[in-house]
C-alpha atoms as a PDB file:
ATOM      1  CA  MET A   1      76.741 100.979  71.098  1.00  0.00           C
ATOM      2  CA  SER A   2      77.614 103.019  74.016  1.00  0.00           C
ATOM      3  CA  HIS A   3      80.999 104.610  74.218  1.00  0.00           C
ATOM      4  CA  SER A   4      82.937 105.578  77.268  1.00  0.00           C
ATOM      5  CA  SER A   5      84.273 108.896  77.652  1.00  0.00           C
ATOM      6  CA  PRO A   6      88.016 109.727  77.727  1.00  0.00           C
ATOM      7  CA  SER A   7      87.771 110.306  81.422  1.00  0.00           C
ATOM      8  CA  SER A   8      86.310 107.143  82.058  1.00  0.00           C
ATOM      9  CA  LEU A   9      88.905 105.230  80.021  1.00  0.00           C
ATOM     10  CA  ARG A  10      91.736 107.075  81.789  1.00  0.00           C
ATOM     11  CA  ALA A  11      89.904 106.209  85.243  1.00  0.00           C
ATOM     12  CA  ALA A  12      89.863 102.547  84.560  1.00  0.00           C
ATOM     13  CA  ALA A  13      93.445 102.386  83.250  1.00  0.00           C
ATOM     14  CA  ARG A  14      94.294 104.180  86.575  1.00  0.00           C
ATOM     15  CA  ARG A  15      92.368 101.648  88.586  1.00  0.00           C
ATOM     16  CA  ALA A  16      93.920  98.574  86.937  1.00  0.00           C
ATOM     17  CA  VAL A  17      97.495 100.035  87.667  1.00  0.00           C
ATOM     18  CA  VAL A  18      96.930 101.130  91.204  1.00  0.00           C
ATOM     19  CA  GLY A  19      95.056  97.854  92.047  1.00  0.00           C
ATOM     20  CA  ALA A  20      97.948  96.054  90.797  1.00  0.00           C
ATOM     21  CA  THR A  21     100.198  97.774  93.296  1.00  0.00           C
ATOM     22  CA  VAL A  22      97.611  97.425  96.057  1.00  0.00           C
ATOM     23  CA  SER A  23      97.292  93.519  95.649  1.00  0.00           C
ATOM     24  CA  LEU A  24     100.995  93.451  96.339  1.00  0.00           C
ATOM     25  CA  ALA A  25     100.463  94.811 100.117  1.00  0.00           C
ATOM     26  CA  VAL A  26     101.172  92.182 102.740  1.00  0.00           C
ATOM     27  CA  LEU A  27     101.178  92.209 106.418  1.00  0.00           C
ATOM     28  CA  GLY A  28     101.296  96.018 106.414  1.00  0.00           C
ATOM     29  CA  GLY A  29     103.987  96.409 104.066  1.00  0.00           C
ATOM     30  CA  ALA A  30     104.286  97.095 100.456  1.00  0.00           C
ATOM     31  CA  VAL A  31     106.183  94.467  98.298  1.00  0.00           C
ATOM     32  CA  ALA A  32     108.781  96.618  96.024  1.00  0.00           C
ATOM     33  CA  VAL A  33     109.321  95.103  92.583  1.00  0.00           C
ATOM     34  CA  ASP A  34     112.506  96.191  90.715  1.00  0.00           C
ATOM     35  CA  SER A  35     113.606  94.523  87.324  1.00  0.00           C
ATOM     36  CA  GLY A  36     111.194  91.570  88.052  1.00  0.00           C
ATOM     37  CA  ASN A  37     113.032  91.097  91.616  1.00  0.00           C
ATOM     38  CA  VAL A  38     110.558  90.962  94.530  1.00  0.00           C
ATOM     39  CA  HIS A  39     112.140  92.500  97.510  1.00  0.00           C
ATOM     40  CA  ALA A  40     111.325  92.793 101.132  1.00  0.00           C
ATOM     41  CA  ALA A  41     108.063  94.351 102.315  1.00  0.00           C
ATOM     42  CA  LEU A  42     108.298  98.272 102.906  1.00  0.00           C
ATOM     43  CA  PRO A  43     106.377  99.733 105.603  1.00  0.00           C
ATOM     44  CA  VAL A  44     102.883 101.477 104.587  1.00  0.00           C
ATOM     45  CA  ASN A  45     100.159 103.345 106.434  1.00  0.00           C
ATOM     46  CA  GLY A  46      97.833 101.394 108.104  1.00  0.00           C
ATOM     47  CA  LEU A  47      94.722 102.697 106.458  1.00  0.00           C
ATOM     48  CA  ALA A  48      96.744 102.784 102.836  1.00  0.00           C
ATOM     49  CA  ASP A  49      93.996 100.493 101.179  1.00  0.00           C
ATOM     50  CA  GLU A  50      91.211 102.747 102.174  1.00  0.00           C
ATOM     51  CA  VAL A  51      92.678 105.685 101.372  1.00  0.00           C
ATOM     52  CA  THR A  52      93.876 104.496  97.867  1.00  0.00           C
ATOM     53  CA  ALA A  53      90.419 103.149  97.134  1.00  0.00           C
ATOM     54  CA  ALA A  54      88.638 106.506  98.389  1.00  0.00           C
ATOM     55  CA  ALA A  55      91.207 108.683  96.337  1.00  0.00           C
ATOM     56  CA  GLU A  56      90.759 106.786  93.146  1.00  0.00           C
ATOM     57  CA  GLN A  57      86.849 107.168  93.341  1.00  0.00           C
ATOM     58  CA  ALA A  58      87.169 110.922  94.290  1.00  0.00           C
ATOM     59  CA  VAL A  59      89.587 111.486  91.408  1.00  0.00           C
ATOM     60  CA  ASP A  60      87.079 109.920  88.839  1.00  0.00           C
ATOM     61  CA  ALA A  61      84.345 112.044  90.645  1.00  0.00           C
ATOM     62  CA  LEU A  62      86.296 115.312  90.184  1.00  0.00           C
ATOM     63  CA  ASP A  63      87.071 114.388  86.579  1.00  0.00           C
ATOM     64  CA  ASP A  64      83.597 113.829  85.745  1.00  0.00           C
ATOM     65  CA  TYR A  65      82.439 117.057  87.235  1.00  0.00           C
ATOM     66  CA  VAL A  66      85.110 119.002  85.475  1.00  0.00           C
ATOM     67  CA  GLU A  67      84.110 117.703  82.249  1.00  0.00           C
ATOM     68  CA  THR A  68      80.127 118.093  83.101  1.00  0.00           C
ATOM     69  CA  GLY A  69      79.714 120.724  85.483  1.00  0.00           C
ATOM     70  CA  SER A  70      76.342 119.059  86.580  1.00  0.00           C
ATOM     71  CA  VAL A  71      75.095 119.418  89.973  1.00  0.00           C
ATOM     72  CA  ALA A  72      74.843 115.386  90.465  1.00  0.00           C
ATOM     73  CA  ASP A  73      78.634 115.071  89.565  1.00  0.00           C
ATOM     74  CA  GLU A  74      79.324 117.815  92.009  1.00  0.00           C
ATOM     75  CA  ARG A  75      77.401 116.048  94.899  1.00  0.00           C
ATOM     76  CA  THR A  76      79.062 112.872  93.928  1.00  0.00           C
ATOM     77  CA  LEU A  77      82.662 114.402  93.896  1.00  0.00           C
ATOM     78  CA  ALA A  78      81.494 115.885  97.477  1.00  0.00           C
ATOM     79  CA  TRP A  79      80.514 112.437  98.950  1.00  0.00           C
ATOM     80  CA  HIS A  80      83.676 110.611  97.500  1.00  0.00           C
ATOM     81  CA  ARG A  81      85.961 113.469  98.386  1.00  0.00           C
ATOM     82  CA  ALA A  82      84.712 113.308 102.032  1.00  0.00           C
ATOM     83  CA  ILE A  83      85.407 109.861 102.151  1.00  0.00           C
ATOM     84  CA  ALA A  84      89.107 110.345 101.057  1.00  0.00           C
ATOM     85  CA  ALA A  85      89.588 113.078 103.594  1.00  0.00           C
ATOM     86  CA  ARG A  86      88.246 111.347 106.447  1.00  0.00           C
ATOM     87  CA  TYR A  87      90.383 108.135 106.086  1.00  0.00           C
ATOM     88  CA  THR A  88      93.375 110.593 105.570  1.00  0.00           C
ATOM     89  CA  ALA A  89      92.603 112.223 108.903  1.00  0.00           C
ATOM     90  CA  ARG A  90      91.999 108.893 110.626  1.00  0.00           C
ATOM     91  CA  GLU A  91      95.508 107.604 109.495  1.00  0.00           C
ATOM     92  CA  LEU A  92      96.983 110.664 111.372  1.00  0.00           C
ATOM     93  CA  GLY A  93      94.533 110.708 114.552  1.00  0.00           C
ATOM     94  CA  TYR A  94      93.536 114.133 112.960  1.00  0.00           C
ATOM     95  CA  ASP A  95      89.872 115.746 113.198  1.00  0.00           C
ATOM     96  CA  GLU A  96      88.275 114.051 110.247  1.00  0.00           C
ATOM     97  CA  LEU A  97      85.775 117.009 109.478  1.00  0.00           C
ATOM     98  CA  ALA A  98      88.604 119.602 109.761  1.00  0.00           C
ATOM     99  CA  MET A  99      89.993 117.954 106.745  1.00  0.00           C
ATOM    100  CA  VAL A 100      86.746 117.213 105.029  1.00  0.00           C
ATOM    101  CA  ASP A 101      86.099 121.279 105.441  1.00  0.00           C
ATOM    102  CA  ALA A 102      89.654 122.175 104.170  1.00  0.00           C
ATOM    103  CA  TRP A 103      89.556 119.910 100.938  1.00  0.00           C
ATOM    104  CA  SER A 104      85.924 121.123 100.254  1.00  0.00           C
ATOM    105  CA  VAL A 105      86.926 124.813  99.822  1.00  0.00           C
ATOM    106  CA  ALA A 106      90.191 124.396  98.145  1.00  0.00           C
ATOM    107  CA  PRO A 107      90.384 125.093  94.345  1.00  0.00           C
ATOM    108  CA  LEU A 108      89.698 122.110  92.274  1.00  0.00           C
ATOM    109  CA  GLU A 109      93.132 121.909  90.822  1.00  0.00           C
ATOM    110  CA  ASN A 110      94.662 121.699  94.287  1.00  0.00           C
ATOM    111  CA  GLN A 111      91.883 118.784  95.106  1.00  0.00           C
ATOM    112  CA  ARG A 112      93.038 117.119  92.183  1.00  0.00           C
ATOM    113  CA  ALA A 113      96.905 117.166  93.114  1.00  0.00           C
ATOM    114  CA  VAL A 114      96.162 115.942  96.523  1.00  0.00           C
ATOM    115  CA  LEU A 115      93.775 113.088  95.578  1.00  0.00           C
ATOM    116  CA  GLY A 116      96.238 112.160  92.600  1.00  0.00           C
ATOM    117  CA  ALA A 117      99.039 111.856  95.223  1.00  0.00           C
ATOM    118  CA  LEU A 118      96.917 110.119  97.679  1.00  0.00           C
ATOM    119  CA  THR A 119      95.982 107.168  94.900  1.00  0.00           C
ATOM    120  CA  GLN A 120      99.678 106.577  95.021  1.00  0.00           C
ATOM    121  CA  VAL A 121      99.990 105.864  98.876  1.00  0.00           C
ATOM    122  CA  GLY A 122     102.143 102.692  99.516  1.00  0.00           C
ATOM    123  CA  VAL A 123     104.129 103.019  96.222  1.00  0.00           C
ATOM    124  CA  PRO A 124     107.642 102.259  96.677  1.00  0.00           C
ATOM    125  CA  TYR A 125     110.095 105.333  96.792  1.00  0.00           C
ATOM    126  CA  ARG A 126     112.477 105.264  93.957  1.00  0.00           C
ATOM    127  CA  THR A 127     115.127 107.789  93.088  1.00  0.00           C
ATOM    128  CA  ASN A 128     114.805 109.952  89.995  1.00  0.00           C
ATOM    129  CA  THR A 129     111.313 108.451  89.326  1.00  0.00           C
ATOM    130  CA  SER A 130     107.826 109.745  88.730  1.00  0.00           C
ATOM    131  CA  GLU A 131     105.924 106.781  87.670  1.00  0.00           C
ATOM    132  CA  GLU A 132     102.178 105.809  88.650  1.00  0.00           C
ATOM    133  CA  ALA A 133     102.161 102.667  90.748  1.00  0.00           C
ATOM    134  CA  VAL A 134     105.821 101.758  90.086  1.00  0.00           C
ATOM    135  CA  GLY A 135     108.110 104.408  92.186  1.00  0.00           C
ATOM    136  CA  PHE A 136     108.378 108.076  93.175  1.00  0.00           C
ATOM    137  CA  ASP A 137     111.207 110.291  94.743  1.00  0.00           C
ATOM    138  CA  CYS A 138     109.835 113.399  96.598  1.00  0.00           C
ATOM    139  CA  SER A 139     109.860 115.747  93.654  1.00  0.00           C
ATOM    140  CA  GLY A 140     108.604 112.914  91.247  1.00  0.00           C
ATOM    141  CA  LEU A 141     105.498 112.455  93.443  1.00  0.00           C
ATOM    142  CA  THR A 142     104.904 116.227  93.622  1.00  0.00           C
ATOM    143  CA  SER A 143     105.420 116.543  90.015  1.00  0.00           C
ATOM    144  CA  TYR A 144     103.298 113.807  89.209  1.00  0.00           C
ATOM    145  CA  ALA A 145     100.256 115.063  91.482  1.00  0.00           C
ATOM    146  CA  TRP A 146     100.205 118.420  89.925  1.00  0.00           C
ATOM    147  CA  GLY A 147     100.586 117.017  86.493  1.00  0.00           C
ATOM    148  CA  GLU A 148      97.516 115.119  86.949  1.00  0.00           C
ATOM    149  CA  ALA A 149      96.140 118.630  87.857  1.00  0.00           C
ATOM    150  CA  GLY A 150      97.204 120.050  84.604  1.00  0.00           C
ATOM    151  CA  LEU A 151     100.398 121.745  85.871  1.00  0.00           C
ATOM    152  CA  ASP A 152     103.612 120.762  84.689  1.00  0.00           C
ATOM    153  CA  LEU A 153     106.662 121.029  87.620  1.00  0.00           C
ATOM    154  CA  PHE A 154     110.117 120.378  87.142  1.00  0.00           C
ATOM    155  CA  HIS A 155     111.425 117.131  88.655  1.00  0.00           C
ATOM    156  CA  GLN A 156     113.638 118.838  91.376  1.00  0.00           C
ATOM    157  CA  SER A 157     112.852 119.795  94.703  1.00  0.00           C
ATOM    158  CA  GLY A 158     114.623 123.157  94.754  1.00  0.00           C
ATOM    159  CA  SER A 159     113.246 124.178  91.395  1.00  0.00           C
ATOM    160  CA  GLN A 160     109.542 123.506  92.472  1.00  0.00           C
ATOM    161  CA  ILE A 161     109.982 125.836  95.712  1.00  0.00           C
ATOM    162  CA  SER A 162     111.706 128.455  93.934  1.00  0.00           C
ATOM    163  CA  GLU A 163     109.268 128.752  91.100  1.00  0.00           C
ATOM    164  CA  ALA A 164     106.381 128.605  93.402  1.00  0.00           C
ATOM    165  CA  GLN A 165     104.821 131.705  95.006  1.00  0.00           C
ATOM    166  CA  ARG A 166     106.023 131.999  98.649  1.00  0.00           C
ATOM    167  CA  ILE A 167     103.157 131.743 100.904  1.00  0.00           C
ATOM    168  CA  SER A 168     102.804 131.561 104.737  1.00  0.00           C
ATOM    169  CA  ARG A 169     101.808 128.507 106.748  1.00  0.00           C
ATOM    170  CA  ASP A 170      98.546 130.374 107.442  1.00  0.00           C
ATOM    171  CA  THR A 171      97.363 130.665 103.986  1.00  0.00           C
ATOM    172  CA  ALA A 172      98.624 127.198 102.668  1.00  0.00           C
ATOM    173  CA  GLU A 173      95.998 125.269 101.017  1.00  0.00           C
ATOM    174  CA  PRO A 174      95.865 121.589 100.427  1.00  0.00           C
ATOM    175  CA  GLY A 175      97.953 121.025  97.435  1.00  0.00           C
ATOM    176  CA  ASP A 176     100.421 123.310  98.141  1.00  0.00           C
ATOM    177  CA  ILE A 177     103.885 122.306  98.529  1.00  0.00           C
ATOM    178  CA  VAL A 178     106.053 122.236 101.512  1.00  0.00           C
ATOM    179  CA  HIS A 179     110.016 122.136 101.417  1.00  0.00           C
ATOM    180  CA  TYR A 180     113.201 122.060 103.048  1.00  0.00           C
ATOM    181  CA  PRO A 181     116.580 121.504 101.591  1.00  0.00           C
ATOM    182  CA  GLY A 182     116.427 118.099  99.663  1.00  0.00           C
ATOM    183  CA  HIS A 183     113.072 117.460 100.195  1.00  0.00           C
ATOM    184  CA  VAL A 184     109.487 118.443  99.069  1.00  0.00           C
ATOM    185  CA  MET A 185     106.084 117.450 100.249  1.00  0.00           C
ATOM    186  CA  LEU A 186     102.323 118.025  99.214  1.00  0.00           C
ATOM    187  CA  TYR A 187     100.415 119.648 102.324  1.00  0.00           C
ATOM    188  CA  LEU A 188      97.065 118.293 103.263  1.00  0.00           C
ATOM    189  CA  GLY A 189      95.260 121.473 104.533  1.00  0.00           C
ATOM    190  CA  VAL A 190      95.386 120.588 108.216  1.00  0.00           C
ATOM    191  CA  ASP A 191      97.977 121.162 111.031  1.00  0.00           C
ATOM    192  CA  ASP A 192     101.282 119.536 109.870  1.00  0.00           C
ATOM    193  CA  ALA A 193      99.533 116.720 107.748  1.00  0.00           C
ATOM    194  CA  ILE A 194     101.624 116.146 104.365  1.00  0.00           C
ATOM    195  CA  VAL A 195     101.948 113.139 101.907  1.00  0.00           C
ATOM    196  CA  HIS A 196     105.204 112.781 100.561  1.00  0.00           C
ATOM    197  CA  ALA A 197     107.767 110.023  99.178  1.00  0.00           C
ATOM    198  CA  ALA A 198     109.964 109.982 102.044  1.00  0.00           C
ATOM    199  CA  SER A 199     113.129 108.086 101.419  1.00  0.00           C
ATOM    200  CA  THR A 200     114.796 104.914 100.175  1.00  0.00           C
ATOM    201  CA  GLY A 201     113.209 101.891 102.083  1.00  0.00           C
ATOM    202  CA  ARG A 202     110.080 103.768 102.417  1.00  0.00           C
ATOM    203  CA  THR A 203     106.837 104.417 100.253  1.00  0.00           C
ATOM    204  CA  VAL A 204     104.491 107.296  99.239  1.00  0.00           C
ATOM    205  CA  GLU A 205     103.048 108.062 102.822  1.00  0.00           C
ATOM    206  CA  ILE A 206     100.550 109.995 104.699  1.00  0.00           C
ATOM    207  CA  ASP A 207     102.541 111.770 107.177  1.00  0.00           C
ATOM    208  CA  THR A 208     103.382 115.234 109.243  1.00  0.00           C
ATOM    209  CA  ILE A 209     105.986 117.431 108.949  1.00  0.00           C
ATOM    210  CA  SER A 210     108.918 116.210 111.591  1.00  0.00           C
ATOM    211  CA  GLN A 211     109.128 118.222 114.632  1.00  0.00           C
ATOM    212  CA  GLY A 212     112.453 119.410 113.997  1.00  0.00           C
ATOM    213  CA  ARG A 213     111.517 120.913 110.632  1.00  0.00           C
ATOM    214  CA  ARG A 214     108.308 122.703 111.667  1.00  0.00           C
ATOM    215  CA  ASP A 215     109.585 126.196 112.013  1.00  0.00           C
ATOM    216  CA  SER A 216     112.239 126.100 109.222  1.00  0.00           C
ATOM    217  CA  VAL A 217     110.251 124.711 106.156  1.00  0.00           C
ATOM    218  CA  SER A 218     109.169 126.921 103.307  1.00  0.00           C
ATOM    219  CA  TRP A 219     105.633 126.753 102.014  1.00  0.00           C
ATOM    220  CA  GLY A 220     105.023 127.480  98.230  1.00  0.00           C
ATOM    221  CA  ASP A 221     101.672 127.850  95.785  1.00  0.00           C
ATOM    222  CA  PRO A 222     102.866 126.052  92.558  1.00  0.00           C
ATOM    223  CA  THR A 223      99.933 127.597  90.653  1.00  0.00           C
ATOM    224  CA  HIS A 224     101.439 131.206  91.023  1.00  0.00           C
ATOM    225  CA  SER A 225     105.206 131.872  89.985  1.00  0.00           C
ATOM    226  CA  SER A 226     107.325 133.617  92.369  1.00  0.00           C
END
């Protein structure tokens, strides 16, 4: 009798939960569900389905590579990571190969945080929540993403940036956090690209740092303390 590895079982569970969320996407919007009540469709990224599917495959490949360290699994990771990066860049109209390159040289834990967050694109914003396929607020998404990478972040945006090592925009890597008072996001490694849980009435989105915030945001590396 064959036995599934723990990472395979976790991956299957993630696919089932995220698949259920994606199946609720209708007419370019995600259906928000609260206490059994279905609400109006929320706006989602146009390539949300493609991004989440590709990110899920990349997460599985990354987990397998971390477990085995094999060359074959490394190649599989590179393939699925590139697909996820290209869909993400395409959503924003960014250079696809630039995003592929940025992700490929990031530390594995940063890659895992980015990919984990992208599996939740289209999930509704929900205050004080950090629950896969159910809902996130801004710091809930970043704490979820980094928790999937093995790093516990306090579920509060100000604490996340104050505890992270401050870095410059020029040295920021995919997965680093971007903060302005009251809001925190995950950097995607190219230009102004971020993924975040924006606000009530929206979903987890691939987005860009708003023009008015570009010169005032703070950047932090959560893997090192300030």
